[in-house]
């Protein structure tokens, strides 16, 4: 498994950029959209690849994932952590008439707005495995230093922009961290970003 914790990127920002959208010292993002754009920079190798699909974990993860999908020119879809009928109904309520993407054989980038305990991500990855993707990347703006250990070996690649020591809560790493509604998720999914 390749691991890419972007400490060098954070150090570069601190040393070379006066960026009001990210405080590199405190590892705080202005909002989820900024976090998504920064995360997309770490995923540039996946740009313009026809086999790539970006999946956002609702609710906040879809907002981050929208920026990633846009930058990579990849399609975007929600990844529901529930199993069975609940998962199908929840995905249908967010996608509306849009059909779910086929993930078998694809490179799938799973995005959330952060990772605390890893429980949601592990559940989402369990649901995703049934779709038989060829390669799974978990991509996060922020998480604890042991974030990769919290999700286990269910992924092929792990990318995290910021892993601050003493991490305790995702909300502490955003200036703006309002709740995201179903309508905001639907709006993020309506605008096509790329596709196959």
N, C-alpha and C. Protein backbone atom coordinates (compact mmCIF):
# COMPACT_ATOMS: atom_id res chain seq x y z
N UNK A 1 0.84 -1.18 0.00
CA UNK A 1 0.00 0.00 0.00
C UNK A 1 0.89 1.24 0.00
N UNK A 2 0.58 2.17 -0.89
CA UNK A 2 1.30 3.43 -0.91
C UNK A 2 0.65 4.40 0.06
N UNK A 3 1.46 5.11 0.80
CA UNK A 3 0.95 6.08 1.77
C UNK A 3 1.49 7.44 1.39
N UNK A 4 0.62 8.43 1.38
CA UNK A 4 1.03 9.76 1.01
C UNK A 4 0.45 10.75 2.00
N UNK A 5 1.10 10.94 3.10
CA UNK A 5 0.68 11.94 4.07
C UNK A 5 1.43 13.20 3.70
N UNK A 6 0.72 14.26 3.42
CA UNK A 6 1.27 15.43 2.75
C UNK A 6 1.91 16.43 3.70
N UNK A 7 2.76 15.97 4.56
CA UNK A 7 3.43 16.90 5.48
C UNK A 7 4.34 17.87 4.74
N UNK A 8 5.01 17.39 3.69
CA UNK A 8 5.90 18.28 2.92
C UNK A 8 5.08 19.37 2.24
N UNK A 9 3.88 19.03 1.78
CA UNK A 9 3.02 20.01 1.14
C UNK A 9 2.63 21.10 2.14
N UNK A 10 2.27 20.69 3.34
CA UNK A 10 1.89 21.64 4.39
C UNK A 10 3.08 22.53 4.73
N UNK A 11 4.26 21.94 4.85
CA UNK A 11 5.47 22.72 5.14
C UNK A 11 5.75 23.72 4.02
N UNK A 12 5.54 23.29 2.77
CA UNK A 12 5.74 24.18 1.64
C UNK A 12 4.80 25.38 1.72
N UNK A 13 3.53 25.11 2.01
CA UNK A 13 2.56 26.20 2.13
C UNK A 13 2.97 27.19 3.22
N UNK A 14 3.39 26.65 4.34
CA UNK A 14 3.79 27.51 5.46
C UNK A 14 4.98 28.38 5.08
N UNK A 15 5.91 27.83 4.33
CA UNK A 15 7.13 28.55 4.00
C UNK A 15 6.99 29.50 2.81
N UNK A 16 6.14 29.17 1.84
CA UNK A 16 6.15 29.90 0.57
C UNK A 16 4.87 30.64 0.21
N UNK A 17 3.81 30.44 0.94
CA UNK A 17 2.55 31.05 0.53
C UNK A 17 1.87 31.76 1.69
N UNK A 18 1.37 32.94 1.39
CA UNK A 18 0.50 33.63 2.35
C UNK A 18 -0.93 33.28 1.97
N UNK A 19 -1.39 32.12 2.36
CA UNK A 19 -2.69 31.60 1.95
C UNK A 19 -3.69 31.79 3.08
N UNK A 20 -4.66 32.66 2.87
CA UNK A 20 -5.65 32.90 3.92
C UNK A 20 -6.69 31.79 4.00
N UNK A 21 -6.67 30.87 3.03
CA UNK A 21 -7.63 29.77 3.04
C UNK A 21 -7.17 28.58 3.86
N UNK A 22 -5.89 28.56 4.23
CA UNK A 22 -5.36 27.44 5.00
C UNK A 22 -4.28 27.95 5.93
N UNK A 23 -4.43 27.71 7.21
CA UNK A 23 -3.41 28.06 8.19
C UNK A 23 -2.54 26.84 8.39
N UNK A 24 -1.34 26.86 7.79
CA UNK A 24 -0.46 25.69 7.83
C UNK A 24 0.07 25.42 9.23
N UNK A 25 0.19 26.45 10.05
CA UNK A 25 0.68 26.25 11.40
C UNK A 25 -0.33 25.48 12.24
N UNK A 26 -1.58 25.89 12.16
CA UNK A 26 -2.65 25.26 12.94
C UNK A 26 -3.34 24.13 12.17
N UNK A 27 -3.03 24.01 10.87
CA UNK A 27 -3.68 23.02 10.00
C UNK A 27 -5.19 23.18 10.01
N UNK A 28 -5.62 24.41 9.68
CA UNK A 28 -7.04 24.76 9.65
C UNK A 28 -7.40 25.25 8.25
N UNK A 29 -8.46 24.65 7.67
CA UNK A 29 -8.97 25.04 6.36
C UNK A 29 -10.07 26.07 6.54
N UNK A 30 -10.22 26.97 5.56
CA UNK A 30 -11.31 27.95 5.63
C UNK A 30 -12.65 27.22 5.59
N UNK A 31 -12.82 26.28 4.65
CA UNK A 31 -14.08 25.55 4.50
C UNK A 31 -13.84 24.26 3.74
N UNK A 32 -14.89 23.50 3.49
CA UNK A 32 -14.77 22.22 2.81
C UNK A 32 -14.33 22.37 1.36
N UNK A 33 -14.78 23.43 0.69
CA UNK A 33 -14.39 23.64 -0.71
C UNK A 33 -12.88 23.86 -0.82
N UNK A 34 -12.33 24.68 0.05
CA UNK A 34 -10.87 24.91 0.06
C UNK A 34 -10.14 23.61 0.35
N UNK A 35 -10.64 22.87 1.33
CA UNK A 35 -10.03 21.58 1.67
C UNK A 35 -10.04 20.65 0.46
N UNK A 36 -11.14 20.65 -0.30
CA UNK A 36 -11.23 19.81 -1.49
C UNK A 36 -10.23 20.21 -2.56
N UNK A 37 -10.06 21.50 -2.76
CA UNK A 37 -9.08 21.97 -3.76
C UNK A 37 -7.66 21.59 -3.35
N UNK A 38 -7.35 21.71 -2.07
CA UNK A 38 -6.02 21.32 -1.60
C UNK A 38 -5.82 19.82 -1.73
N UNK A 39 -6.84 19.06 -1.42
CA UNK A 39 -6.77 17.60 -1.55
C UNK A 39 -6.58 17.21 -3.01
N UNK A 40 -7.27 17.88 -3.90
CA UNK A 40 -7.14 17.59 -5.33
C UNK A 40 -5.70 17.75 -5.81
N UNK A 41 -4.98 18.71 -5.23
CA UNK A 41 -3.58 18.90 -5.59
C UNK A 41 -2.73 17.67 -5.28
N UNK A 42 -3.12 16.93 -4.26
CA UNK A 42 -2.40 15.71 -3.89
C UNK A 42 -2.79 14.51 -4.76
N UNK A 43 -3.82 14.68 -5.56
CA UNK A 43 -4.34 13.58 -6.38
C UNK A 43 -4.16 13.84 -7.87
N UNK A 44 -3.28 14.75 -8.23
CA UNK A 44 -3.09 15.16 -9.62
C UNK A 44 -2.76 14.00 -10.56
N UNK A 45 -2.15 12.96 -10.07
CA UNK A 45 -1.81 11.80 -10.92
C UNK A 45 -3.06 11.13 -11.49
N UNK A 46 -4.21 11.39 -10.89
CA UNK A 46 -5.46 10.78 -11.35
C UNK A 46 -6.24 11.67 -12.32
N UNK A 47 -5.71 12.83 -12.64
CA UNK A 47 -6.40 13.79 -13.51
C UNK A 47 -6.55 13.24 -14.93
N UNK A 48 -7.72 13.42 -15.49
CA UNK A 48 -8.06 13.05 -16.87
C UNK A 48 -7.99 11.55 -17.14
N UNK A 49 -8.03 10.73 -16.11
CA UNK A 49 -8.05 9.27 -16.33
C UNK A 49 -9.50 8.82 -16.47
N UNK A 50 -9.77 8.07 -17.49
CA UNK A 50 -11.14 7.64 -17.79
C UNK A 50 -11.66 6.60 -16.80
N UNK A 51 -10.78 5.95 -16.07
CA UNK A 51 -11.21 4.89 -15.14
C UNK A 51 -11.47 5.41 -13.73
N UNK A 52 -11.32 6.71 -13.50
CA UNK A 52 -11.43 7.28 -12.15
C UNK A 52 -12.85 7.77 -11.87
N UNK A 53 -13.35 7.42 -10.69
CA UNK A 53 -14.63 7.90 -10.18
C UNK A 53 -14.37 8.42 -8.77
N UNK A 54 -14.92 9.59 -8.45
CA UNK A 54 -14.78 10.17 -7.12
C UNK A 54 -16.09 9.93 -6.36
N UNK A 55 -15.98 9.37 -5.16
CA UNK A 55 -17.14 9.11 -4.31
C UNK A 55 -17.01 9.94 -3.04
N UNK A 56 -18.03 10.72 -2.74
CA UNK A 56 -18.05 11.51 -1.51
C UNK A 56 -18.97 10.89 -0.48
N UNK A 57 -18.52 10.87 0.76
CA UNK A 57 -19.36 10.35 1.84
C UNK A 57 -20.25 11.50 2.34
N UNK A 58 -21.59 11.35 2.20
CA UNK A 58 -22.48 12.41 2.66
C UNK A 58 -22.37 12.60 4.17
N UNK A 59 -22.49 13.80 4.56
CA UNK A 59 -22.87 14.97 3.81
C UNK A 59 -21.65 15.82 3.43
N UNK A 60 -20.83 16.16 4.41
CA UNK A 60 -19.70 17.05 4.16
C UNK A 60 -18.69 16.52 3.16
N UNK A 61 -18.53 15.22 3.10
CA UNK A 61 -17.57 14.63 2.18
C UNK A 61 -17.91 14.87 0.72
N UNK A 62 -19.20 15.02 0.41
CA UNK A 62 -19.61 15.30 -0.97
C UNK A 62 -19.15 16.69 -1.39
N UNK A 63 -19.19 17.64 -0.48
CA UNK A 63 -18.75 19.00 -0.79
C UNK A 63 -17.24 19.01 -1.08
N UNK A 64 -16.47 18.30 -0.30
CA UNK A 64 -15.03 18.17 -0.54
C UNK A 64 -14.79 17.43 -1.86
N UNK A 65 -15.53 16.34 -2.05
CA UNK A 65 -15.37 15.50 -3.24
C UNK A 65 -15.72 16.25 -4.53
N UNK A 66 -16.68 17.16 -4.46
CA UNK A 66 -17.04 17.95 -5.66
C UNK A 66 -15.82 18.68 -6.19
N UNK A 67 -15.03 19.27 -5.30
CA UNK A 67 -13.83 20.00 -5.72
C UNK A 67 -12.78 19.05 -6.30
N UNK A 68 -12.66 17.88 -5.70
CA UNK A 68 -11.71 16.88 -6.19
C UNK A 68 -12.14 16.41 -7.58
N UNK A 69 -13.41 16.06 -7.74
CA UNK A 69 -13.92 15.59 -9.03
C UNK A 69 -13.74 16.65 -10.11
N UNK A 70 -14.02 17.89 -9.76
CA UNK A 70 -13.87 18.98 -10.72
C UNK A 70 -12.41 19.10 -11.18
N UNK A 71 -11.49 19.09 -10.25
CA UNK A 71 -10.07 19.24 -10.58
C UNK A 71 -9.54 18.05 -11.38
N UNK A 72 -10.04 16.87 -11.10
CA UNK A 72 -9.56 15.67 -11.78
C UNK A 72 -10.32 15.39 -13.08
N UNK A 73 -11.40 16.13 -13.33
CA UNK A 73 -12.27 15.88 -14.48
C UNK A 73 -12.83 14.47 -14.42
N UNK A 74 -13.36 14.13 -13.26
CA UNK A 74 -13.89 12.79 -13.01
C UNK A 74 -15.34 12.89 -12.56
N UNK A 75 -16.12 11.85 -12.79
CA UNK A 75 -17.51 11.86 -12.31
C UNK A 75 -17.57 11.76 -10.79
N UNK A 76 -18.67 12.24 -10.24
CA UNK A 76 -18.87 12.29 -8.79
C UNK A 76 -20.17 11.59 -8.43
N UNK A 77 -20.13 10.86 -7.34
CA UNK A 77 -21.31 10.17 -6.84
C UNK A 77 -21.17 10.04 -5.32
N UNK A 78 -22.30 9.97 -4.58
CA UNK A 78 -22.20 9.75 -3.14
C UNK A 78 -21.89 8.28 -2.85
N UNK A 79 -21.20 8.05 -1.75
CA UNK A 79 -20.96 6.69 -1.27
C UNK A 79 -21.67 6.56 0.07
N UNK A 80 -22.71 5.78 0.10
CA UNK A 80 -23.52 5.61 1.30
C UNK A 80 -22.93 4.47 2.13
N UNK A 81 -22.74 4.73 3.42
CA UNK A 81 -22.09 3.76 4.30
C UNK A 81 -23.01 2.61 4.72
N UNK A 82 -24.31 2.75 4.54
CA UNK A 82 -25.25 1.70 4.96
C UNK A 82 -25.20 0.51 4.01
N UNK A 83 -25.76 -0.60 4.43
CA UNK A 83 -25.82 -1.82 3.62
C UNK A 83 -27.24 -2.06 3.14
N UNK A 84 -27.39 -2.84 2.07
CA UNK A 84 -28.69 -3.35 1.64
C UNK A 84 -29.66 -2.30 1.19
N UNK A 85 -30.92 -2.49 1.54
CA UNK A 85 -32.00 -1.62 1.08
C UNK A 85 -31.82 -0.18 1.53
N UNK A 86 -31.35 0.04 2.76
CA UNK A 86 -31.11 1.40 3.25
C UNK A 86 -30.15 2.14 2.32
N UNK A 87 -29.10 1.47 1.90
CA UNK A 87 -28.10 2.07 1.02
C UNK A 87 -28.72 2.44 -0.33
N UNK A 88 -29.48 1.54 -0.89
CA UNK A 88 -30.11 1.77 -2.19
C UNK A 88 -31.09 2.94 -2.11
N UNK A 89 -31.91 2.97 -1.07
CA UNK A 89 -32.88 4.05 -0.91
C UNK A 89 -32.20 5.39 -0.68
N UNK A 90 -31.16 5.41 0.15
CA UNK A 90 -30.46 6.66 0.45
C UNK A 90 -29.77 7.20 -0.79
N UNK A 91 -29.10 6.32 -1.54
CA UNK A 91 -28.41 6.75 -2.76
C UNK A 91 -29.43 7.28 -3.76
N UNK A 92 -30.57 6.61 -3.90
CA UNK A 92 -31.62 7.06 -4.83
C UNK A 92 -32.16 8.43 -4.43
N UNK A 93 -32.30 8.68 -3.13
CA UNK A 93 -32.83 9.97 -2.69
C UNK A 93 -31.86 11.11 -3.00
N UNK A 94 -30.56 10.83 -3.02
CA UNK A 94 -29.57 11.86 -3.34
C UNK A 94 -29.34 12.00 -4.84
N UNK A 95 -29.38 10.90 -5.57
CA UNK A 95 -29.12 10.94 -7.01
C UNK A 95 -30.33 11.34 -7.83
N UNK A 96 -31.54 11.15 -7.30
CA UNK A 96 -32.73 11.42 -8.09
C UNK A 96 -32.82 10.47 -9.27
N UNK A 97 -33.01 11.02 -10.46
CA UNK A 97 -33.16 10.20 -11.67
C UNK A 97 -31.81 9.76 -12.24
N UNK A 98 -30.74 10.32 -11.74
CA UNK A 98 -29.41 9.98 -12.25
C UNK A 98 -29.06 8.53 -11.86
N UNK A 99 -28.66 7.71 -12.83
CA UNK A 99 -28.34 6.32 -12.51
C UNK A 99 -27.00 6.22 -11.77
N UNK A 100 -26.84 5.22 -10.90
CA UNK A 100 -25.56 5.05 -10.23
C UNK A 100 -24.48 4.66 -11.24
N UNK A 101 -23.27 5.08 -10.97
CA UNK A 101 -22.14 4.75 -11.84
C UNK A 101 -21.71 3.31 -11.62
N UNK A 102 -21.22 2.70 -12.66
CA UNK A 102 -20.66 1.35 -12.55
C UNK A 102 -19.23 1.51 -12.02
N UNK A 103 -18.91 0.82 -10.94
CA UNK A 103 -17.61 0.97 -10.28
C UNK A 103 -16.69 -0.22 -10.50
N UNK A 104 -17.23 -1.32 -10.99
CA UNK A 104 -16.41 -2.51 -11.19
C UNK A 104 -15.25 -2.21 -12.14
N UNK A 105 -14.03 -2.53 -11.69
CA UNK A 105 -12.83 -2.32 -12.49
C UNK A 105 -12.31 -0.90 -12.51
N UNK A 106 -12.98 0.01 -11.81
CA UNK A 106 -12.57 1.42 -11.79
C UNK A 106 -11.57 1.71 -10.68
N UNK A 107 -10.90 2.84 -10.83
CA UNK A 107 -10.14 3.42 -9.74
C UNK A 107 -11.09 4.37 -9.02
N UNK A 108 -11.33 4.10 -7.75
CA UNK A 108 -12.30 4.87 -6.98
C UNK A 108 -11.58 5.66 -5.90
N UNK A 109 -11.86 6.96 -5.87
CA UNK A 109 -11.29 7.84 -4.85
C UNK A 109 -12.42 8.18 -3.88
N UNK A 110 -12.29 7.70 -2.66
CA UNK A 110 -13.31 7.90 -1.61
C UNK A 110 -12.89 9.10 -0.78
N UNK A 111 -13.78 10.10 -0.72
CA UNK A 111 -13.45 11.38 -0.06
C UNK A 111 -14.43 11.64 1.07
N UNK A 112 -13.90 12.10 2.20
CA UNK A 112 -14.72 12.62 3.28
C UNK A 112 -14.09 13.92 3.74
N UNK A 113 -14.78 14.67 4.60
CA UNK A 113 -14.22 15.95 5.05
C UNK A 113 -13.22 15.79 6.19
N UNK A 114 -13.02 14.58 6.65
CA UNK A 114 -12.05 14.28 7.68
C UNK A 114 -12.32 12.89 8.24
N UNK A 115 -11.44 12.47 9.11
CA UNK A 115 -11.58 11.15 9.74
C UNK A 115 -11.30 11.31 11.21
N UNK A 116 -12.20 10.82 12.04
CA UNK A 116 -11.98 10.87 13.49
C UNK A 116 -11.76 9.46 14.02
N UNK A 117 -12.81 8.65 14.06
CA UNK A 117 -12.68 7.28 14.57
C UNK A 117 -12.47 6.26 13.46
N UNK A 118 -12.87 6.61 12.24
CA UNK A 118 -12.75 5.70 11.11
C UNK A 118 -13.96 4.82 10.90
N UNK A 119 -14.95 4.87 11.78
CA UNK A 119 -16.11 3.99 11.69
C UNK A 119 -16.90 4.22 10.40
N UNK A 120 -17.19 5.46 10.06
CA UNK A 120 -17.95 5.75 8.85
C UNK A 120 -17.18 5.30 7.61
N UNK A 121 -15.89 5.57 7.58
CA UNK A 121 -15.08 5.19 6.43
C UNK A 121 -15.02 3.67 6.29
N UNK A 122 -14.84 2.96 7.39
CA UNK A 122 -14.80 1.49 7.31
C UNK A 122 -16.13 0.94 6.78
N UNK A 123 -17.24 1.49 7.23
CA UNK A 123 -18.55 1.04 6.75
C UNK A 123 -18.72 1.35 5.26
N UNK A 124 -18.28 2.53 4.85
CA UNK A 124 -18.37 2.90 3.44
C UNK A 124 -17.50 1.99 2.57
N UNK A 125 -16.31 1.66 3.05
CA UNK A 125 -15.42 0.78 2.29
C UNK A 125 -15.98 -0.64 2.19
N UNK A 126 -16.65 -1.09 3.23
CA UNK A 126 -17.29 -2.41 3.19
C UNK A 126 -18.37 -2.43 2.11
N UNK A 127 -19.18 -1.37 2.05
CA UNK A 127 -20.22 -1.28 1.02
C UNK A 127 -19.59 -1.19 -0.37
N UNK A 128 -18.51 -0.46 -0.48
CA UNK A 128 -17.84 -0.27 -1.77
C UNK A 128 -17.23 -1.55 -2.32
N UNK A 129 -16.67 -2.37 -1.47
CA UNK A 129 -16.02 -3.62 -1.91
C UNK A 129 -16.96 -4.49 -2.74
N UNK A 130 -18.26 -4.46 -2.42
CA UNK A 130 -19.24 -5.26 -3.17
C UNK A 130 -19.32 -4.83 -4.64
N UNK A 131 -18.91 -3.60 -4.93
CA UNK A 131 -18.95 -3.06 -6.30
C UNK A 131 -17.72 -3.47 -7.12
N UNK A 132 -16.74 -4.09 -6.49
CA UNK A 132 -15.53 -4.64 -7.11
C UNK A 132 -14.68 -3.64 -7.90
N UNK A 133 -14.31 -2.51 -7.27
CA UNK A 133 -13.40 -1.58 -7.95
C UNK A 133 -12.01 -2.21 -8.07
N UNK A 134 -11.22 -1.74 -9.03
CA UNK A 134 -9.87 -2.27 -9.22
C UNK A 134 -8.89 -1.67 -8.22
N UNK A 135 -9.09 -0.42 -7.83
CA UNK A 135 -8.14 0.31 -6.97
C UNK A 135 -8.94 1.27 -6.12
N UNK A 136 -8.67 1.31 -4.83
CA UNK A 136 -9.38 2.22 -3.92
C UNK A 136 -8.37 3.16 -3.26
N UNK A 137 -8.67 4.45 -3.39
CA UNK A 137 -7.89 5.49 -2.74
C UNK A 137 -8.80 6.15 -1.71
N UNK A 138 -8.35 6.27 -0.47
CA UNK A 138 -9.06 7.07 0.52
C UNK A 138 -8.33 8.40 0.59
N UNK A 139 -9.08 9.49 0.42
CA UNK A 139 -8.49 10.83 0.37
C UNK A 139 -9.21 11.74 1.36
N UNK A 140 -8.43 12.36 2.24
CA UNK A 140 -8.98 13.18 3.32
C UNK A 140 -8.21 14.49 3.44
N UNK A 141 -8.89 15.58 3.77
CA UNK A 141 -8.17 16.81 4.09
C UNK A 141 -7.44 16.71 5.43
N UNK A 142 -8.08 16.06 6.42
CA UNK A 142 -7.51 16.05 7.76
C UNK A 142 -7.92 14.77 8.50
N UNK A 143 -7.00 14.33 9.33
CA UNK A 143 -7.25 13.16 10.18
C UNK A 143 -6.14 13.02 11.19
N UNK A 144 -6.29 12.15 12.14
CA UNK A 144 -5.25 11.95 13.15
C UNK A 144 -4.02 11.29 12.54
N UNK A 145 -2.88 11.37 13.20
CA UNK A 145 -1.67 10.74 12.68
C UNK A 145 -1.83 9.24 12.41
N UNK A 146 -2.71 8.57 13.13
CA UNK A 146 -2.93 7.14 12.91
C UNK A 146 -4.16 6.86 12.04
N UNK A 147 -4.56 7.82 11.22
CA UNK A 147 -5.77 7.68 10.40
C UNK A 147 -5.73 6.44 9.52
N UNK A 148 -4.60 6.19 8.92
CA UNK A 148 -4.51 5.02 8.06
C UNK A 148 -4.75 3.73 8.85
N UNK A 149 -4.22 3.66 10.05
CA UNK A 149 -4.43 2.48 10.89
C UNK A 149 -5.90 2.32 11.27
N UNK A 150 -6.61 3.44 11.43
CA UNK A 150 -8.02 3.39 11.81
C UNK A 150 -8.91 2.78 10.74
N UNK A 151 -8.51 2.88 9.47
CA UNK A 151 -9.34 2.30 8.41
C UNK A 151 -8.84 0.92 7.99
N UNK A 152 -7.69 0.53 8.46
CA UNK A 152 -7.21 -0.82 8.17
C UNK A 152 -6.61 -0.95 6.78
N UNK A 153 -6.58 -2.17 6.30
CA UNK A 153 -5.90 -2.45 5.04
C UNK A 153 -6.88 -2.58 3.87
N UNK A 154 -8.05 -2.01 3.99
CA UNK A 154 -9.08 -2.14 2.96
C UNK A 154 -8.87 -1.21 1.77
N UNK A 155 -7.77 -0.46 1.75
CA UNK A 155 -7.52 0.48 0.66
C UNK A 155 -6.15 0.23 0.05
N UNK A 156 -6.01 0.69 -1.19
CA UNK A 156 -4.75 0.53 -1.90
C UNK A 156 -3.84 1.74 -1.73
N UNK A 157 -4.44 2.90 -1.49
CA UNK A 157 -3.67 4.13 -1.30
C UNK A 157 -4.39 5.02 -0.32
N UNK A 158 -3.63 5.74 0.49
CA UNK A 158 -4.18 6.64 1.50
C UNK A 158 -3.53 8.01 1.34
N UNK A 159 -4.35 9.06 1.21
CA UNK A 159 -3.86 10.42 1.05
C UNK A 159 -4.53 11.29 2.11
N UNK A 160 -3.73 12.03 2.87
CA UNK A 160 -4.26 12.93 3.89
C UNK A 160 -3.43 14.21 3.88
N UNK A 161 -4.07 15.35 3.64
CA UNK A 161 -3.35 16.62 3.54
C UNK A 161 -2.73 17.00 4.88
N UNK A 162 -3.47 16.87 5.96
CA UNK A 162 -2.97 17.30 7.28
C UNK A 162 -3.28 16.24 8.33
N UNK A 163 -2.24 15.86 9.07
CA UNK A 163 -2.39 14.90 10.18
C UNK A 163 -1.74 15.50 11.42
N UNK A 164 -2.42 16.48 12.03
CA UNK A 164 -1.82 17.19 13.15
C UNK A 164 -1.68 16.33 14.40
N UNK A 165 -0.55 16.45 15.08
CA UNK A 165 -0.43 15.77 16.37
C UNK A 165 -1.47 16.35 17.34
N UNK A 166 -2.01 15.52 18.16
CA UNK A 166 -3.03 16.00 19.10
C UNK A 166 -4.40 16.16 18.47
N UNK A 167 -4.60 15.64 17.26
CA UNK A 167 -5.90 15.72 16.59
C UNK A 167 -6.97 15.09 17.49
N UNK A 168 -8.14 15.78 17.60
CA UNK A 168 -9.24 15.17 18.34
C UNK A 168 -10.57 15.27 17.60
N UNK A 169 -10.82 16.40 16.92
CA UNK A 169 -12.11 16.57 16.24
C UNK A 169 -11.91 17.21 14.87
N UNK A 170 -12.67 16.75 13.90
CA UNK A 170 -12.59 17.31 12.54
C UNK A 170 -12.94 18.79 12.56
N UNK A 171 -13.98 19.17 13.27
CA UNK A 171 -14.46 20.55 13.29
C UNK A 171 -13.37 21.53 13.71
N UNK A 172 -12.41 21.10 14.51
CA UNK A 172 -11.33 21.98 14.97
C UNK A 172 -10.40 22.41 13.83
N UNK A 173 -10.54 21.79 12.67
CA UNK A 173 -9.63 22.07 11.56
C UNK A 173 -10.31 22.79 10.40
N UNK A 174 -11.45 23.38 10.70
CA UNK A 174 -12.19 24.19 9.72
C UNK A 174 -12.64 25.48 10.41
N UNK A 175 -12.52 26.61 9.68
CA UNK A 175 -13.08 27.86 10.18
C UNK A 175 -14.60 27.81 10.01
N UNK A 176 -15.06 27.37 8.84
CA UNK A 176 -16.48 27.24 8.54
C UNK A 176 -16.81 25.76 8.43
N UNK A 177 -17.65 25.24 9.32
CA UNK A 177 -17.98 23.81 9.32
C UNK A 177 -19.46 23.63 9.63
N UNK A 178 -20.30 24.30 8.84
CA UNK A 178 -21.74 24.20 9.03
C UNK A 178 -22.24 22.84 8.58
N UNK A 179 -23.37 22.42 9.14
CA UNK A 179 -24.01 21.18 8.70
C UNK A 179 -24.38 21.31 7.23
N UNK A 180 -24.29 20.21 6.50
CA UNK A 180 -24.61 20.18 5.08
C UNK A 180 -25.93 19.43 4.90
N UNK A 181 -26.88 20.07 4.23
CA UNK A 181 -28.21 19.47 4.04
C UNK A 181 -28.23 18.52 2.85
N UNK A 182 -29.27 17.71 2.78
CA UNK A 182 -29.48 16.85 1.61
C UNK A 182 -29.57 17.68 0.33
N UNK A 183 -30.22 18.84 0.41
CA UNK A 183 -30.34 19.70 -0.77
C UNK A 183 -28.98 20.20 -1.25
N UNK A 184 -28.09 20.53 -0.33
CA UNK A 184 -26.74 20.95 -0.72
C UNK A 184 -25.98 19.79 -1.36
N UNK A 185 -26.17 18.59 -0.84
CA UNK A 185 -25.54 17.41 -1.44
C UNK A 185 -26.08 17.20 -2.84
N UNK A 186 -27.39 17.26 -3.01
CA UNK A 186 -27.99 17.09 -4.34
C UNK A 186 -27.46 18.14 -5.31
N UNK A 187 -27.36 19.38 -4.85
CA UNK A 187 -26.84 20.46 -5.72
C UNK A 187 -25.39 20.18 -6.13
N UNK A 188 -24.59 19.68 -5.23
CA UNK A 188 -23.20 19.35 -5.55
C UNK A 188 -23.12 18.24 -6.58
N UNK A 189 -24.08 17.31 -6.54
CA UNK A 189 -24.08 16.16 -7.45
C UNK A 189 -24.67 16.48 -8.81
N UNK A 190 -25.46 17.56 -8.92
CA UNK A 190 -26.15 17.90 -10.16
C UNK A 190 -25.18 18.39 -11.23
N UNK A 191 -24.18 19.13 -10.84
CA UNK A 191 -23.27 19.73 -11.80
C UNK A 191 -22.23 18.73 -12.25
N UNK A 192 -22.32 18.26 -13.49
CA UNK A 192 -21.34 17.28 -13.96
C UNK A 192 -19.95 17.89 -14.00
N UNK A 193 -18.96 17.10 -13.62
CA UNK A 193 -17.58 17.59 -13.56
C UNK A 193 -16.70 16.94 -14.60
N UNK A 194 -17.11 15.88 -15.12
CA UNK A 194 -16.29 15.12 -16.05
C UNK A 194 -17.10 13.90 -16.40
N UNK A 195 -16.47 12.85 -16.70
CA UNK A 195 -17.25 11.66 -16.90
C UNK A 195 -16.63 10.70 -17.87
N UNK A 196 -17.35 9.62 -18.00
CA UNK A 196 -16.85 8.57 -18.88
C UNK A 196 -17.83 8.40 -20.00
